[in-house]
Amino acid sequence: MEQPRRITDSFPRRRRRRGPGRPPGRLKNKKNKDEDKDKVQVKLRDCPRAPSQPSPDPALLEMLRRFDLSWEYGPCTGITRLQRWERAQELGLKPPGPIRDALLEHRDNPDVTY
């Protein structure tokens, strides 16, 4: 009985070439590890941090998730939640008012906006 063919049987095997003086499976050693750590710490200190925003209420996020998943207000890909709400209002689909209020209240929070 013949064994089933595998997809890997159709492609030739390639082996990696080792560089001179390097053992297989190992990367080059860094000259000074402490120096690299100092560079990383300096970079982290220099980066400006975005102002931390308080996470929205889980009940609010659940309400927005239900709004996202309901097809009666149209597709939600490629637009913000507020744009979707306004489009549904223009089409006469009567989206829930508390959704719009929450979106306007948390306009700067990307967890709520998108």
N, C-alpha and C. Protein backbone atom coordinates (compact mmCIF):
# COMPACT_ATOMS: atom_id res chain seq x y z
N MET A 1 0.84 -1.18 0.00
CA MET A 1 0.00 0.00 0.00
C MET A 1 0.89 1.25 0.00
N GLU A 2 0.54 2.21 -0.79
CA GLU A 2 1.35 3.41 -0.95
C GLU A 2 1.01 4.44 0.12
N GLN A 3 2.05 5.12 0.64
CA GLN A 3 1.82 6.15 1.66
C GLN A 3 1.28 7.41 1.00
N PRO A 4 0.42 8.15 1.72
CA PRO A 4 -0.12 9.39 1.14
C PRO A 4 0.99 10.43 0.96
N ARG A 5 0.87 11.20 -0.10
CA ARG A 5 1.86 12.24 -0.36
C ARG A 5 1.61 13.44 0.55
N ARG A 6 2.67 14.10 0.88
CA ARG A 6 2.59 15.31 1.68
C ARG A 6 2.93 16.50 0.80
N ILE A 7 2.45 17.67 1.22
CA ILE A 7 2.72 18.87 0.44
C ILE A 7 4.21 19.19 0.45
N THR A 8 4.91 18.80 1.51
CA THR A 8 6.34 19.08 1.57
C THR A 8 7.15 18.22 0.61
N ASP A 9 6.56 17.16 0.07
CA ASP A 9 7.26 16.31 -0.89
C ASP A 9 7.48 17.04 -2.22
N SER A 10 6.69 18.07 -2.51
CA SER A 10 6.78 18.78 -3.78
C SER A 10 7.85 19.85 -3.80
N PHE A 11 8.36 20.24 -2.64
CA PHE A 11 9.31 21.33 -2.56
C PHE A 11 10.67 20.81 -2.11
N PRO A 12 11.74 21.33 -2.73
CA PRO A 12 13.07 20.86 -2.31
C PRO A 12 13.43 21.41 -0.94
N ARG A 13 14.21 20.66 -0.20
CA ARG A 13 14.65 21.11 1.11
C ARG A 13 15.82 22.05 0.94
N ARG A 14 15.85 23.06 1.76
CA ARG A 14 16.96 24.00 1.75
C ARG A 14 17.58 24.00 3.13
N ARG A 15 18.87 24.05 3.15
CA ARG A 15 19.58 24.13 4.41
C ARG A 15 20.21 25.50 4.54
N ARG A 16 20.22 26.00 5.77
CA ARG A 16 20.84 27.29 6.01
C ARG A 16 22.35 27.16 5.95
N ARG A 17 22.94 28.17 5.43
CA ARG A 17 24.39 28.20 5.40
C ARG A 17 24.88 28.83 6.69
N ARG A 18 25.87 28.22 7.26
CA ARG A 18 26.45 28.77 8.48
C ARG A 18 27.58 29.70 8.10
N GLY A 19 27.66 30.79 8.83
CA GLY A 19 28.77 31.72 8.63
C GLY A 19 30.04 31.15 9.24
N PRO A 20 31.16 31.69 8.86
CA PRO A 20 32.42 31.17 9.41
C PRO A 20 32.53 31.44 10.91
N GLY A 21 32.86 30.41 11.65
CA GLY A 21 33.10 30.56 13.08
C GLY A 21 31.86 30.60 13.94
N ARG A 22 30.69 30.39 13.35
CA ARG A 22 29.47 30.41 14.16
C ARG A 22 28.94 29.00 14.32
N PRO A 23 28.64 28.61 15.54
CA PRO A 23 28.04 27.30 15.72
C PRO A 23 26.60 27.32 15.23
N PRO A 24 26.02 26.19 14.86
CA PRO A 24 24.64 26.18 14.35
C PRO A 24 23.65 26.58 15.43
N GLY A 25 22.65 27.36 15.03
CA GLY A 25 21.56 27.72 15.93
C GLY A 25 21.88 28.79 16.96
N ARG A 26 22.96 29.47 16.83
CA ARG A 26 23.32 30.51 17.79
C ARG A 26 23.46 31.85 17.08
N LEU A 27 23.11 32.90 17.79
CA LEU A 27 23.26 34.25 17.25
C LEU A 27 24.61 34.81 17.66
N LYS A 28 24.99 35.89 17.04
CA LYS A 28 26.24 36.54 17.41
C LYS A 28 26.13 37.06 18.83
N ASN A 29 27.21 36.97 19.57
CA ASN A 29 27.23 37.50 20.93
C ASN A 29 27.36 39.01 20.88
N LYS A 30 26.65 39.67 21.77
CA LYS A 30 26.76 41.11 21.85
C LYS A 30 28.00 41.46 22.66
N LYS A 31 28.61 42.58 22.32
CA LYS A 31 29.85 42.97 22.97
C LYS A 31 29.63 43.33 24.43
N ASN A 32 28.67 44.19 24.70
CA ASN A 32 28.47 44.62 26.07
C ASN A 32 26.96 44.69 26.33
N LYS A 33 26.44 43.76 27.07
CA LYS A 33 25.00 43.69 27.31
C LYS A 33 24.54 44.84 28.20
N ASP A 34 25.37 45.27 29.16
CA ASP A 34 24.99 46.36 30.05
C ASP A 34 24.82 47.66 29.27
N GLU A 35 25.66 47.87 28.27
CA GLU A 35 25.56 49.07 27.45
C GLU A 35 24.24 49.09 26.69
N ASP A 36 23.80 47.95 26.19
CA ASP A 36 22.53 47.87 25.47
C ASP A 36 21.35 48.15 26.40
N LYS A 37 21.42 47.66 27.64
CA LYS A 37 20.33 47.92 28.59
C LYS A 37 20.21 49.40 28.89
N ASP A 38 21.36 50.09 29.02
CA ASP A 38 21.33 51.53 29.27
C ASP A 38 20.69 52.28 28.11
N LYS A 39 20.99 51.85 26.88
CA LYS A 39 20.40 52.49 25.71
C LYS A 39 18.88 52.32 25.70
N VAL A 40 18.42 51.13 26.04
CA VAL A 40 16.98 50.88 26.07
C VAL A 40 16.31 51.72 27.12
N GLN A 41 16.90 51.84 28.29
CA GLN A 41 16.31 52.65 29.36
C GLN A 41 16.25 54.11 28.96
N VAL A 42 17.29 54.61 28.30
CA VAL A 42 17.28 56.00 27.86
C VAL A 42 16.17 56.22 26.85
N LYS A 43 16.01 55.30 25.93
CA LYS A 43 14.96 55.44 24.93
C LYS A 43 13.58 55.46 25.58
N LEU A 44 13.37 54.62 26.58
CA LEU A 44 12.07 54.60 27.24
C LEU A 44 11.81 55.90 27.98
N ARG A 45 12.84 56.48 28.56
CA ARG A 45 12.65 57.73 29.29
C ARG A 45 12.35 58.89 28.35
N ASP A 46 12.95 58.87 27.16
CA ASP A 46 12.77 59.96 26.22
C ASP A 46 11.41 59.96 25.53
N CYS A 47 10.74 58.83 25.52
CA CYS A 47 9.46 58.73 24.81
C CYS A 47 8.37 59.46 25.58
N PRO A 48 7.66 60.37 24.91
CA PRO A 48 6.53 61.00 25.60
C PRO A 48 5.39 59.99 25.73
N ARG A 49 4.77 59.96 26.85
CA ARG A 49 3.67 59.02 27.09
C ARG A 49 2.34 59.70 26.82
N ALA A 50 1.46 58.94 26.28
CA ALA A 50 0.11 59.45 26.06
C ALA A 50 -0.58 59.56 27.41
N PRO A 51 -1.40 60.56 27.60
CA PRO A 51 -2.10 60.67 28.88
C PRO A 51 -3.00 59.46 29.07
N SER A 52 -2.92 58.89 30.24
CA SER A 52 -3.72 57.69 30.49
C SER A 52 -5.17 58.09 30.70
N GLN A 53 -6.04 57.35 30.05
CA GLN A 53 -7.46 57.62 30.16
C GLN A 53 -8.08 56.53 31.01
N PRO A 54 -9.01 56.90 31.84
CA PRO A 54 -9.66 55.85 32.63
C PRO A 54 -10.45 54.92 31.73
N SER A 55 -10.42 53.65 32.05
CA SER A 55 -11.16 52.70 31.23
C SER A 55 -12.65 52.92 31.41
N PRO A 56 -13.40 52.85 30.35
CA PRO A 56 -14.85 53.08 30.45
C PRO A 56 -15.53 51.96 31.22
N ASP A 57 -16.72 52.24 31.65
CA ASP A 57 -17.53 51.30 32.41
C ASP A 57 -17.79 50.03 31.58
N PRO A 58 -17.66 48.84 32.16
CA PRO A 58 -17.92 47.62 31.40
C PRO A 58 -19.34 47.54 30.85
N ALA A 59 -20.30 48.13 31.56
CA ALA A 59 -21.67 48.13 31.06
C ALA A 59 -21.78 48.98 29.79
N LEU A 60 -21.04 50.08 29.75
CA LEU A 60 -21.04 50.93 28.56
C LEU A 60 -20.42 50.18 27.39
N LEU A 61 -19.30 49.50 27.62
CA LEU A 61 -18.67 48.73 26.54
C LEU A 61 -19.57 47.61 26.04
N GLU A 62 -20.32 47.00 26.94
CA GLU A 62 -21.26 45.94 26.53
C GLU A 62 -22.38 46.53 25.67
N MET A 63 -22.88 47.70 26.04
CA MET A 63 -23.93 48.36 25.27
C MET A 63 -23.41 48.71 23.87
N LEU A 64 -22.17 49.21 23.79
CA LEU A 64 -21.58 49.54 22.49
C LEU A 64 -21.33 48.29 21.66
N ARG A 65 -20.95 47.20 22.32
CA ARG A 65 -20.73 45.95 21.58
C ARG A 65 -22.03 45.45 20.97
N ARG A 66 -23.11 45.57 21.72
CA ARG A 66 -24.42 45.17 21.17
C ARG A 66 -24.81 46.04 19.97
N PHE A 67 -24.49 47.32 20.07
CA PHE A 67 -24.77 48.23 18.95
C PHE A 67 -23.94 47.82 17.73
N ASP A 68 -22.69 47.43 17.96
CA ASP A 68 -21.82 47.01 16.85
C ASP A 68 -22.35 45.75 16.18
N LEU A 69 -22.88 44.84 16.96
CA LEU A 69 -23.29 43.55 16.43
C LEU A 69 -24.70 43.53 15.84
N SER A 70 -25.47 44.59 16.04
CA SER A 70 -26.82 44.59 15.49
C SER A 70 -26.79 45.09 14.05
N TRP A 71 -27.27 44.25 13.15
CA TRP A 71 -27.24 44.57 11.72
C TRP A 71 -28.35 45.53 11.31
N GLU A 72 -29.29 45.78 12.18
CA GLU A 72 -30.40 46.66 11.79
C GLU A 72 -29.97 48.10 11.56
N TYR A 73 -28.77 48.48 12.03
CA TYR A 73 -28.26 49.84 11.84
C TYR A 73 -27.23 49.93 10.73
N GLY A 74 -27.08 48.89 9.95
CA GLY A 74 -26.17 48.89 8.81
C GLY A 74 -24.79 48.38 9.16
N PRO A 75 -23.94 48.23 8.15
CA PRO A 75 -22.59 47.71 8.38
C PRO A 75 -21.75 48.68 9.20
N CYS A 76 -20.76 48.14 9.90
CA CYS A 76 -19.96 48.97 10.79
C CYS A 76 -18.49 48.99 10.43
N THR A 77 -18.11 48.46 9.30
CA THR A 77 -16.69 48.41 8.94
C THR A 77 -16.26 49.71 8.29
N GLY A 78 -15.10 50.22 8.71
CA GLY A 78 -14.52 51.38 8.09
C GLY A 78 -15.00 52.72 8.59
N ILE A 79 -15.90 52.75 9.56
CA ILE A 79 -16.38 54.02 10.09
C ILE A 79 -16.40 53.94 11.61
N THR A 80 -16.45 55.10 12.24
CA THR A 80 -16.53 55.12 13.69
C THR A 80 -17.96 54.81 14.13
N ARG A 81 -18.12 54.56 15.40
CA ARG A 81 -19.45 54.27 15.92
C ARG A 81 -20.38 55.47 15.78
N LEU A 82 -19.84 56.66 16.01
CA LEU A 82 -20.68 57.85 15.89
C LEU A 82 -21.12 58.07 14.44
N GLN A 83 -20.24 57.83 13.48
CA GLN A 83 -20.63 57.95 12.07
C GLN A 83 -21.70 56.94 11.72
N ARG A 84 -21.59 55.74 12.26
CA ARG A 84 -22.60 54.71 12.01
C ARG A 84 -23.94 55.11 12.62
N TRP A 85 -23.88 55.67 13.85
CA TRP A 85 -25.12 56.09 14.51
C TRP A 85 -25.79 57.19 13.68
N GLU A 86 -24.99 58.17 13.22
CA GLU A 86 -25.56 59.28 12.43
C GLU A 86 -26.11 58.80 11.10
N ARG A 87 -25.43 57.85 10.46
CA ARG A 87 -25.94 57.29 9.20
C ARG A 87 -27.26 56.57 9.42
N ALA A 88 -27.35 55.80 10.51
CA ALA A 88 -28.60 55.10 10.81
C ALA A 88 -29.72 56.10 11.09
N GLN A 89 -29.41 57.20 11.75
CA GLN A 89 -30.42 58.23 12.04
C GLN A 89 -30.91 58.87 10.75
N GLU A 90 -29.98 59.16 9.82
CA GLU A 90 -30.37 59.76 8.54
C GLU A 90 -31.24 58.81 7.71
N LEU A 91 -31.00 57.51 7.84
CA LEU A 91 -31.79 56.53 7.09
C LEU A 91 -33.10 56.18 7.78
N GLY A 92 -33.35 56.78 8.94
CA GLY A 92 -34.61 56.55 9.65
C GLY A 92 -34.66 55.22 10.37
N LEU A 93 -33.52 54.69 10.77
CA LEU A 93 -33.49 53.37 11.43
C LEU A 93 -33.65 53.47 12.94
N LYS A 94 -33.74 54.67 13.48
CA LYS A 94 -33.98 54.94 14.90
C LYS A 94 -32.97 54.23 15.82
N PRO A 95 -31.68 54.61 15.73
CA PRO A 95 -30.70 54.02 16.66
C PRO A 95 -30.93 54.53 18.07
N PRO A 96 -30.48 53.80 19.09
CA PRO A 96 -30.73 54.20 20.48
C PRO A 96 -30.01 55.51 20.83
N GLY A 97 -30.73 56.39 21.50
CA GLY A 97 -30.17 57.68 21.91
C GLY A 97 -29.04 57.58 22.92
N PRO A 98 -29.10 56.66 23.90
CA PRO A 98 -28.01 56.57 24.87
C PRO A 98 -26.65 56.23 24.23
N ILE A 99 -26.69 55.57 23.10
CA ILE A 99 -25.44 55.26 22.40
C ILE A 99 -24.77 56.56 21.96
N ARG A 100 -25.55 57.46 21.34
CA ARG A 100 -24.99 58.73 20.88
C ARG A 100 -24.49 59.55 22.05
N ASP A 101 -25.23 59.59 23.14
CA ASP A 101 -24.81 60.34 24.31
C ASP A 101 -23.48 59.82 24.86
N ALA A 102 -23.34 58.49 24.92
CA ALA A 102 -22.10 57.90 25.42
C ALA A 102 -20.94 58.18 24.48
N LEU A 103 -21.19 58.13 23.19
CA LEU A 103 -20.13 58.39 22.21
C LEU A 103 -19.66 59.84 22.27
N LEU A 104 -20.58 60.76 22.47
CA LEU A 104 -20.20 62.16 22.57
C LEU A 104 -19.50 62.45 23.90
N GLU A 105 -19.89 61.75 24.95
CA GLU A 105 -19.29 61.97 26.26
C GLU A 105 -17.84 61.46 26.30
N HIS A 106 -17.58 60.33 25.64
CA HIS A 106 -16.25 59.72 25.65
C HIS A 106 -15.57 59.86 24.28
N ARG A 107 -15.69 61.02 23.70
CA ARG A 107 -15.19 61.24 22.33
C ARG A 107 -13.69 61.02 22.20
N ASP A 108 -12.92 61.30 23.24
CA ASP A 108 -11.45 61.19 23.16
C ASP A 108 -10.93 59.80 23.46
N ASN A 109 -11.78 58.89 23.89
CA ASN A 109 -11.34 57.55 24.26
C ASN A 109 -11.49 56.60 23.06
N PRO A 110 -10.38 56.07 22.53
CA PRO A 110 -10.49 55.19 21.36
C PRO A 110 -11.21 53.88 21.64
N ASP A 111 -11.24 53.43 22.91
CA ASP A 111 -11.98 52.23 23.24
C ASP A 111 -13.48 52.41 23.01
N VAL A 112 -13.95 53.62 23.14
CA VAL A 112 -15.37 53.91 22.95
C VAL A 112 -15.64 54.34 21.51
N THR A 113 -14.75 55.11 20.93
CA THR A 113 -14.97 55.69 19.61
C THR A 113 -15.00 54.63 18.52
N TYR A 114 -14.09 53.65 18.60
CA TYR A 114 -13.96 52.68 17.51
C TYR A 114 -14.51 51.34 17.92
